Amino acid sequence: MTIKFAGIDAIPADCYILNFNVDGKYETIFYQGIEELMSTVLTGDEWVGWLSGGGLPLLNGKKIDDEVEFAEEYIDKTADDFCVLFEN
């Protein structure tokens, strides 16, 4: 299986769609709320720290303050981890 992350679309009502190209086919994952999206890209301790106002951790030594940008960079580097969601 070949998977490539193709970005995040923010939609009204604080929802997010993750876009992937899976074996040449367009696939998406829907998240309702920034908390749900961030729970996917942060460890448990990081998520609690972020939720309590501690900010985002460094990502590959880089400080990113925007949650969606952080998620995009994280998922771009770990897209293969999402392939289990698209297996039939």
Protein backbone atom coordinates (compact mmCIF):
# COMPACT_ATOMS: atom_id res chain seq x y z
CA MET A 1 0.00 0.00 0.00
CA THR A 2 1.28 3.45 -0.94
CA ILE A 3 -0.01 6.35 1.13
CA LYS A 4 0.74 10.06 0.86
CA PHE A 5 -0.65 12.78 3.09
CA ALA A 6 -2.32 15.56 1.06
CA GLY A 7 -3.13 18.15 3.74
CA ILE A 8 -5.85 19.21 6.15
CA ASP A 9 -9.01 21.10 5.28
CA ALA A 10 -10.64 23.13 8.04
CA ILE A 11 -14.41 23.26 7.63
CA PRO A 12 -17.04 25.27 9.53
CA ALA A 13 -18.05 24.26 13.04
CA ASP A 14 -14.46 23.47 14.11
CA CYS A 15 -14.14 20.34 11.97
CA TYR A 16 -11.14 19.05 10.04
CA ILE A 17 -10.68 16.66 7.13
CA LEU A 18 -7.38 14.86 6.65
CA ASN A 19 -6.71 14.11 2.99
CA PHE A 20 -4.68 11.16 1.78
CA ASN A 21 -3.79 9.58 -1.54
CA VAL A 22 -3.95 5.83 -0.96
CA ASP A 23 -2.82 3.74 -3.91
CA GLY A 24 -3.90 6.54 -6.25
CA LYS A 25 -7.33 6.88 -4.63
CA TYR A 26 -8.52 9.94 -2.67
CA GLU A 27 -9.35 9.06 0.97
CA THR A 28 -10.30 11.24 3.94
CA ILE A 29 -10.57 11.10 7.72
CA PHE A 30 -12.98 13.41 9.54
CA TYR A 31 -12.27 15.00 12.92
CA GLN A 32 -14.82 16.95 14.92
CA GLY A 33 -12.95 19.59 16.88
CA ILE A 34 -9.34 20.60 17.30
CA GLU A 35 -9.10 18.48 20.45
CA GLU A 36 -9.87 15.30 18.51
CA LEU A 37 -7.34 16.22 15.81
CA MET A 38 -4.63 17.02 18.34
CA SER A 39 -5.26 13.80 20.27
CA THR A 40 -4.11 12.03 17.11
CA VAL A 41 -0.75 13.79 16.86
CA LEU A 42 0.21 14.28 20.51
CA THR A 43 1.17 11.71 23.13
CA GLY A 44 -1.04 11.53 26.20
CA ASP A 45 1.24 13.76 28.27
CA GLU A 46 1.69 16.24 25.40
CA TRP A 47 -2.08 16.39 24.87
CA VAL A 48 -2.76 17.09 28.55
CA GLY A 49 -0.05 19.77 28.55
CA TRP A 50 -1.44 21.39 25.40
CA LEU A 51 -5.01 21.22 26.67
CA SER A 52 -4.03 22.86 29.95
CA GLY A 53 -2.41 25.77 28.10
CA GLY A 54 1.17 24.54 28.02
CA GLY A 55 1.52 24.94 24.27
CA LEU A 56 2.71 22.49 21.68
CA PRO A 57 5.90 20.46 22.04
CA LEU A 58 8.82 20.89 19.67
CA LEU A 59 8.44 18.93 16.44
CA ASN A 60 11.80 17.74 15.11
CA GLY A 61 13.45 20.54 17.08
CA LYS A 62 11.14 23.19 15.62
CA LYS A 63 8.63 25.33 17.52
CA ILE A 64 5.21 25.48 15.82
CA ASP A 65 2.45 27.46 17.52
CA ASP A 66 -0.42 26.75 15.09
CA GLU A 67 -2.23 23.47 15.83
CA VAL A 68 -3.23 22.71 12.23
CA GLU A 69 0.28 23.43 10.93
CA PHE A 70 1.70 21.21 13.69
CA ALA A 71 -0.70 18.40 12.76
CA GLU A 72 0.10 18.73 9.04
CA GLU A 73 3.85 18.50 9.61
CA TYR A 74 3.47 15.58 12.02
CA ILE A 75 1.11 13.60 9.77
CA ASP A 76 3.20 14.30 6.66
CA LYS A 77 6.12 12.52 8.35
CA THR A 78 4.01 9.67 9.77
CA ALA A 79 1.49 9.07 6.97
CA ASP A 80 2.41 5.38 6.80
CA ASP A 81 1.00 4.98 10.32
CA PHE A 82 -2.45 5.83 8.95
CA CYS A 83 -2.48 3.02 6.35
CA VAL A 84 -4.22 0.65 8.79
CA LEU A 85 -7.28 2.92 8.58
CA PHE A 86 -7.60 2.27 4.86
CA GLU A 87 -7.03 -1.49 4.77
CA ASN A 88 -10.05 -3.54 3.79
